[in-house]
């Protein structure tokens, strides 16, 4: 092997070792980043599940509150209808009382 071949082979070997070092550093850096991302994903997933559970409880409470509100609105509507009926009945009774009072005052004279 000639001296120039040895120098060339040494240069290729040196470049190969440098590439191995560079790619190893990048590989371990990428593994570290992946580990961090996995941890963050796990934490994010756990937080999402917690928020989802809280949301389900709130939705259940909201549904119950909406049902109570719907019942209250129906009660109010029925009460308003009953008020109209009772006001009409009162008006009729007042007319009858007035007529009876006229008859009574007419018979007393």
N, C-alpha and C. Protein backbone atom coordinates (compact mmCIF):
# COMPACT_ATOMS: atom_id res chain seq x y z
N UNK A 1 0.84 -1.15 0.00
CA UNK A 1 0.00 0.00 0.00
C UNK A 1 0.90 1.23 0.00
N UNK A 2 0.57 2.15 -0.85
CA UNK A 2 1.41 3.33 -0.97
C UNK A 2 1.05 4.35 0.09
N UNK A 3 1.91 5.32 0.24
CA UNK A 3 1.71 6.35 1.26
C UNK A 3 0.46 7.15 0.97
N UNK A 4 0.18 7.50 -0.28
CA UNK A 4 -1.01 8.27 -0.63
C UNK A 4 -2.29 7.47 -0.35
N UNK A 5 -2.23 6.15 -0.58
CA UNK A 5 -3.40 5.31 -0.28
C UNK A 5 -3.64 5.27 1.23
N UNK A 6 -2.55 5.20 2.00
CA UNK A 6 -2.69 5.20 3.46
C UNK A 6 -3.29 6.52 3.94
N UNK A 7 -2.85 7.63 3.36
CA UNK A 7 -3.38 8.95 3.75
C UNK A 7 -4.86 9.04 3.37
N UNK A 8 -5.17 8.59 2.17
CA UNK A 8 -6.57 8.60 1.71
C UNK A 8 -7.43 7.70 2.58
N UNK A 9 -6.93 6.52 2.88
CA UNK A 9 -7.67 5.58 3.73
C UNK A 9 -7.84 6.16 5.13
N UNK A 10 -6.81 6.81 5.65
CA UNK A 10 -6.89 7.44 6.98
C UNK A 10 -7.92 8.57 6.96
N UNK A 11 -7.93 9.36 5.89
CA UNK A 11 -8.90 10.45 5.77
C UNK A 11 -10.31 9.90 5.72
N UNK A 12 -10.54 8.85 4.94
CA UNK A 12 -11.87 8.23 4.84
C UNK A 12 -12.28 7.66 6.19
N UNK A 13 -11.34 7.03 6.89
CA UNK A 13 -11.62 6.48 8.21
C UNK A 13 -11.95 7.59 9.20
N UNK A 14 -11.21 8.68 9.14
CA UNK A 14 -11.46 9.82 10.02
C UNK A 14 -12.84 10.43 9.75
N UNK A 15 -13.16 10.57 8.46
CA UNK A 15 -14.48 11.10 8.09
C UNK A 15 -15.58 10.16 8.56
N UNK A 16 -15.36 8.86 8.43
CA UNK A 16 -16.35 7.87 8.88
C UNK A 16 -16.55 7.97 10.39
N UNK A 17 -15.46 8.10 11.14
CA UNK A 17 -15.57 8.24 12.60
C UNK A 17 -16.29 9.53 12.96
N UNK A 18 -15.97 10.62 12.24
CA UNK A 18 -16.65 11.89 12.50
C UNK A 18 -18.14 11.79 12.20
N UNK A 19 -18.48 11.11 11.11
CA UNK A 19 -19.90 10.93 10.78
C UNK A 19 -20.61 10.09 11.84
N UNK A 20 -19.93 9.06 12.31
CA UNK A 20 -20.51 8.22 13.37
C UNK A 20 -20.77 9.06 14.61
N UNK A 21 -19.80 9.91 14.98
CA UNK A 21 -19.96 10.77 16.17
C UNK A 21 -21.11 11.74 15.96
N UNK A 22 -21.15 12.40 14.80
CA UNK A 22 -22.21 13.38 14.52
C UNK A 22 -23.58 12.71 14.53
N UNK A 23 -23.71 11.58 13.85
CA UNK A 23 -25.00 10.89 13.80
C UNK A 23 -25.39 10.32 15.16
N UNK A 24 -24.40 9.89 15.93
CA UNK A 24 -24.70 9.40 17.28
C UNK A 24 -25.23 10.51 18.16
N UNK A 25 -24.60 11.70 18.08
CA UNK A 25 -25.07 12.85 18.85
C UNK A 25 -26.49 13.21 18.44
N UNK A 26 -26.74 13.25 17.13
CA UNK A 26 -28.09 13.56 16.65
C UNK A 26 -29.09 12.49 17.09
N UNK A 27 -28.69 11.24 17.04
CA UNK A 27 -29.57 10.14 17.43
C UNK A 27 -29.95 10.26 18.91
N UNK A 28 -28.94 10.48 19.77
CA UNK A 28 -29.24 10.57 21.20
C UNK A 28 -30.04 11.83 21.52
N UNK A 29 -29.78 12.90 20.78
CA UNK A 29 -30.58 14.11 20.95
C UNK A 29 -32.03 13.85 20.54
N UNK A 30 -32.21 13.16 19.44
CA UNK A 30 -33.56 12.84 18.97
C UNK A 30 -34.27 11.91 19.96
N UNK A 31 -33.53 10.95 20.53
CA UNK A 31 -34.13 10.06 21.53
C UNK A 31 -34.57 10.84 22.76
N UNK A 32 -33.73 11.79 23.19
CA UNK A 32 -34.06 12.62 24.34
C UNK A 32 -35.30 13.45 24.04
N UNK A 33 -35.34 14.05 22.84
CA UNK A 33 -36.52 14.83 22.43
C UNK A 33 -37.77 13.96 22.39
N UNK A 34 -37.62 12.75 21.87
CA UNK A 34 -38.75 11.82 21.81
C UNK A 34 -39.24 11.48 23.21
N UNK A 35 -38.32 11.28 24.11
CA UNK A 35 -38.69 10.96 25.49
C UNK A 35 -39.46 12.13 26.13
N UNK A 36 -38.97 13.33 25.89
CA UNK A 36 -39.65 14.53 26.41
C UNK A 36 -41.05 14.64 25.79
N UNK A 37 -41.13 14.42 24.49
CA UNK A 37 -42.44 14.51 23.82
C UNK A 37 -43.41 13.45 24.32
N UNK A 38 -42.90 12.24 24.57
CA UNK A 38 -43.76 11.19 25.10
C UNK A 38 -44.28 11.58 26.48
N UNK A 39 -43.41 12.14 27.30
CA UNK A 39 -43.83 12.57 28.64
C UNK A 39 -44.87 13.67 28.53
N UNK A 40 -44.63 14.64 27.67
CA UNK A 40 -45.59 15.73 27.49
C UNK A 40 -46.91 15.21 26.94
N UNK A 41 -46.85 14.26 26.02
CA UNK A 41 -48.07 13.66 25.47
C UNK A 41 -48.85 12.94 26.57
N UNK A 42 -48.14 12.21 27.39
CA UNK A 42 -48.79 11.49 28.49
C UNK A 42 -49.46 12.47 29.45
N UNK A 43 -48.75 13.54 29.79
CA UNK A 43 -49.33 14.55 30.69
C UNK A 43 -50.52 15.24 30.03
N UNK A 44 -50.39 15.54 28.76
CA UNK A 44 -51.48 16.19 28.03
C UNK A 44 -52.70 15.27 27.95
N UNK A 45 -52.47 14.00 27.69
CA UNK A 45 -53.57 13.04 27.61
C UNK A 45 -54.27 12.91 28.96
N UNK A 46 -53.48 12.86 30.03
CA UNK A 46 -54.07 12.76 31.37
C UNK A 46 -54.90 14.01 31.67
N UNK A 47 -54.38 15.19 31.32
CA UNK A 47 -55.11 16.44 31.55
C UNK A 47 -56.38 16.47 30.71
N UNK A 48 -56.29 16.01 29.46
CA UNK A 48 -57.46 15.98 28.60
C UNK A 48 -58.54 15.08 29.19
N UNK A 49 -58.11 13.92 29.70
CA UNK A 49 -59.09 12.99 30.30
C UNK A 49 -59.75 13.63 31.51
N UNK A 50 -58.96 14.33 32.32
CA UNK A 50 -59.51 14.99 33.49
C UNK A 50 -60.52 16.07 33.08
N UNK A 51 -60.15 16.86 32.09
CA UNK A 51 -61.05 17.91 31.59
C UNK A 51 -62.31 17.28 31.01
N UNK A 52 -62.16 16.18 30.30
CA UNK A 52 -63.31 15.50 29.72
C UNK A 52 -64.26 15.01 30.81
N UNK A 53 -63.70 14.44 31.88
CA UNK A 53 -64.54 13.98 32.99
C UNK A 53 -65.27 15.15 33.64
N UNK A 54 -64.56 16.27 33.82
CA UNK A 54 -65.20 17.46 34.39
C UNK A 54 -66.30 17.96 33.46
N UNK A 55 -66.03 17.92 32.15
CA UNK A 55 -67.02 18.36 31.17
C UNK A 55 -68.27 17.49 31.23
N UNK A 56 -68.08 16.18 31.37
CA UNK A 56 -69.23 15.28 31.44
C UNK A 56 -70.09 15.56 32.67
N UNK A 57 -69.43 15.84 33.79
CA UNK A 57 -70.17 16.18 35.01
C UNK A 57 -70.95 17.48 34.80
N UNK A 58 -70.29 18.47 34.18
CA UNK A 58 -70.95 19.75 33.94
C UNK A 58 -72.11 19.58 32.97
N UNK A 59 -71.92 18.76 31.94
CA UNK A 59 -73.01 18.51 30.99
C UNK A 59 -74.19 17.84 31.68
N UNK A 60 -73.90 16.91 32.58
CA UNK A 60 -74.97 16.24 33.33
C UNK A 60 -75.72 17.25 34.19
N UNK A 61 -74.97 18.12 34.87
CA UNK A 61 -75.59 19.17 35.69
C UNK A 61 -76.40 20.12 34.83
N UNK A 62 -75.85 20.47 33.66
CA UNK A 62 -76.56 21.36 32.75
C UNK A 62 -77.86 20.74 32.29
N UNK A 63 -77.82 19.46 31.95
CA UNK A 63 -79.03 18.77 31.49
C UNK A 63 -80.08 18.77 32.60
N UNK A 64 -79.65 18.49 33.82
CA UNK A 64 -80.59 18.49 34.95
C UNK A 64 -81.17 19.89 35.16
N UNK A 65 -80.32 20.91 35.07
CA UNK A 65 -80.78 22.29 35.24
C UNK A 65 -81.76 22.68 34.13
N UNK A 66 -81.48 22.22 32.91
CA UNK A 66 -82.39 22.52 31.79
C UNK A 66 -83.74 21.86 32.00
N UNK A 67 -83.74 20.65 32.54
CA UNK A 67 -85.00 19.96 32.82
C UNK A 67 -85.78 20.70 33.91
N UNK A 68 -85.08 21.15 34.95
CA UNK A 68 -85.74 21.93 36.01
C UNK A 68 -86.30 23.22 35.42
N UNK A 69 -85.51 23.88 34.59
CA UNK A 69 -85.97 25.12 33.96
C UNK A 69 -87.18 24.87 33.08
N UNK A 70 -87.14 23.78 32.31
CA UNK A 70 -88.28 23.44 31.44
C UNK A 70 -89.53 23.20 32.29
N UNK A 71 -89.39 22.47 33.39
CA UNK A 71 -90.52 22.23 34.28
C UNK A 71 -91.04 23.54 34.87
N UNK A 72 -90.11 24.42 35.26
CA UNK A 72 -90.51 25.71 35.83
C UNK A 72 -91.24 26.55 34.79
N UNK A 73 -90.76 26.54 33.55
CA UNK A 73 -91.43 27.30 32.49
C UNK A 73 -92.83 26.75 32.24
N UNK A 74 -92.97 25.42 32.27
CA UNK A 74 -94.31 24.83 32.09
C UNK A 74 -95.23 25.22 33.24
N UNK A 75 -94.69 25.20 34.44
CA UNK A 75 -95.48 25.59 35.61
C UNK A 75 -95.92 27.05 35.50
N UNK A 76 -94.99 27.91 35.08
CA UNK A 76 -95.33 29.33 34.90
C UNK A 76 -96.41 29.48 33.84
N UNK A 77 -96.25 28.78 32.73
CA UNK A 77 -97.24 28.87 31.65
C UNK A 77 -98.61 28.39 32.14
N UNK A 78 -98.63 27.26 32.85
CA UNK A 78 -99.90 26.75 33.37
C UNK A 78 -100.50 27.72 34.38
N UNK A 79 -99.63 28.32 35.20
CA UNK A 79 -100.11 29.28 36.20
C UNK A 79 -100.68 30.52 35.52
N UNK A 80 -100.02 30.98 34.47
CA UNK A 80 -100.53 32.16 33.75
C UNK A 80 -101.88 31.86 33.11
N UNK A 81 -102.01 30.65 32.57
CA UNK A 81 -103.30 30.27 31.99
C UNK A 81 -104.37 30.20 33.09
N UNK A 82 -103.99 29.65 34.23
CA UNK A 82 -104.93 29.54 35.36
C UNK A 82 -105.31 30.93 35.87
N UNK A 83 -104.34 31.86 35.87
CA UNK A 83 -104.62 33.24 36.30
C UNK A 83 -105.67 33.87 35.40
N UNK A 84 -105.54 33.67 34.10
CA UNK A 84 -106.51 34.22 33.15
C UNK A 84 -107.90 33.64 33.43
N UNK A 85 -107.96 32.34 33.64
CA UNK A 85 -109.24 31.69 33.94
C UNK A 85 -109.82 32.23 35.23
N UNK A 86 -108.98 32.33 36.26
CA UNK A 86 -109.47 32.83 37.56
C UNK A 86 -109.88 34.29 37.47
N UNK A 87 -109.14 35.10 36.71
CA UNK A 87 -109.53 36.51 36.55
C UNK A 87 -110.88 36.62 35.86
N UNK A 88 -111.10 35.78 34.85
CA UNK A 88 -112.40 35.77 34.17
C UNK A 88 -113.50 35.32 35.12
N UNK A 89 -113.20 34.30 35.93
CA UNK A 89 -114.20 33.83 36.90
C UNK A 89 -114.49 34.92 37.92
N UNK A 90 -113.47 35.60 38.38
CA UNK A 90 -113.67 36.70 39.35
C UNK A 90 -114.51 37.80 38.73
N UNK A 91 -114.21 38.15 37.48
CA UNK A 91 -114.98 39.18 36.79
C UNK A 91 -116.45 38.76 36.67
N UNK A 92 -116.68 37.50 36.33
CA UNK A 92 -118.06 37.00 36.24
C UNK A 92 -118.75 37.06 37.60
N UNK A 93 -118.03 36.63 38.64
CA UNK A 93 -118.62 36.66 39.98
C UNK A 93 -118.91 38.09 40.44
N UNK A 94 -118.01 39.01 40.11
CA UNK A 94 -118.24 40.41 40.48
C UNK A 94 -119.49 40.95 39.77
N UNK A 95 -119.69 40.55 38.51
CA UNK A 95 -120.89 40.97 37.78
C UNK A 95 -122.13 40.39 38.45
N UNK A 96 -122.04 39.10 38.82
CA UNK A 96 -123.19 38.47 39.47
C UNK A 96 -123.48 39.15 40.81
N UNK A 97 -122.44 39.48 41.55
CA UNK A 97 -122.62 40.16 42.84
C UNK A 97 -123.27 41.52 42.62
N UNK A 98 -122.79 42.23 41.61
CA UNK A 98 -123.36 43.55 41.31
C UNK A 98 -124.83 43.41 40.94
N UNK A 99 -125.17 42.41 40.13
CA UNK A 99 -126.55 42.19 39.74
C UNK A 99 -127.40 41.82 40.95
N UNK A 100 -126.85 40.95 41.82
CA UNK A 100 -127.59 40.57 43.03
C UNK A 100 -127.79 41.77 43.95
N UNK A 101 -126.75 42.60 44.05
CA UNK A 101 -126.88 43.81 44.88
C UNK A 101 -127.95 44.73 44.31
N UNK A 102 -128.04 44.85 42.98
CA UNK A 102 -129.08 45.68 42.36
C UNK A 102 -130.46 45.11 42.66
N UNK A 103 -130.59 43.79 42.55
CA UNK A 103 -131.86 43.15 42.83
C UNK A 103 -132.25 43.34 44.28
N UNK A 104 -131.25 43.17 45.17
CA UNK A 104 -131.52 43.34 46.59
C UNK A 104 -131.90 44.77 46.93
N UNK A 105 -131.21 45.71 46.36
CA UNK A 105 -131.53 47.11 46.64
C UNK A 105 -132.86 47.48 46.00
N UNK A 106 -133.20 46.85 44.91
CA UNK A 106 -134.47 47.11 44.23
C UNK A 106 -135.62 46.49 45.03
N UNK A 107 -135.43 45.38 45.69
CA UNK A 107 -136.49 44.73 46.44
C UNK A 107 -136.63 45.34 47.82
N UNK A 108 -135.60 46.01 48.33
CA UNK A 108 -135.65 46.58 49.66
C UNK A 108 -136.39 47.90 49.65
N UNK A 109 -136.54 48.54 48.57
CA UNK A 109 -137.19 49.86 48.54
C UNK A 109 -138.63 49.76 48.54
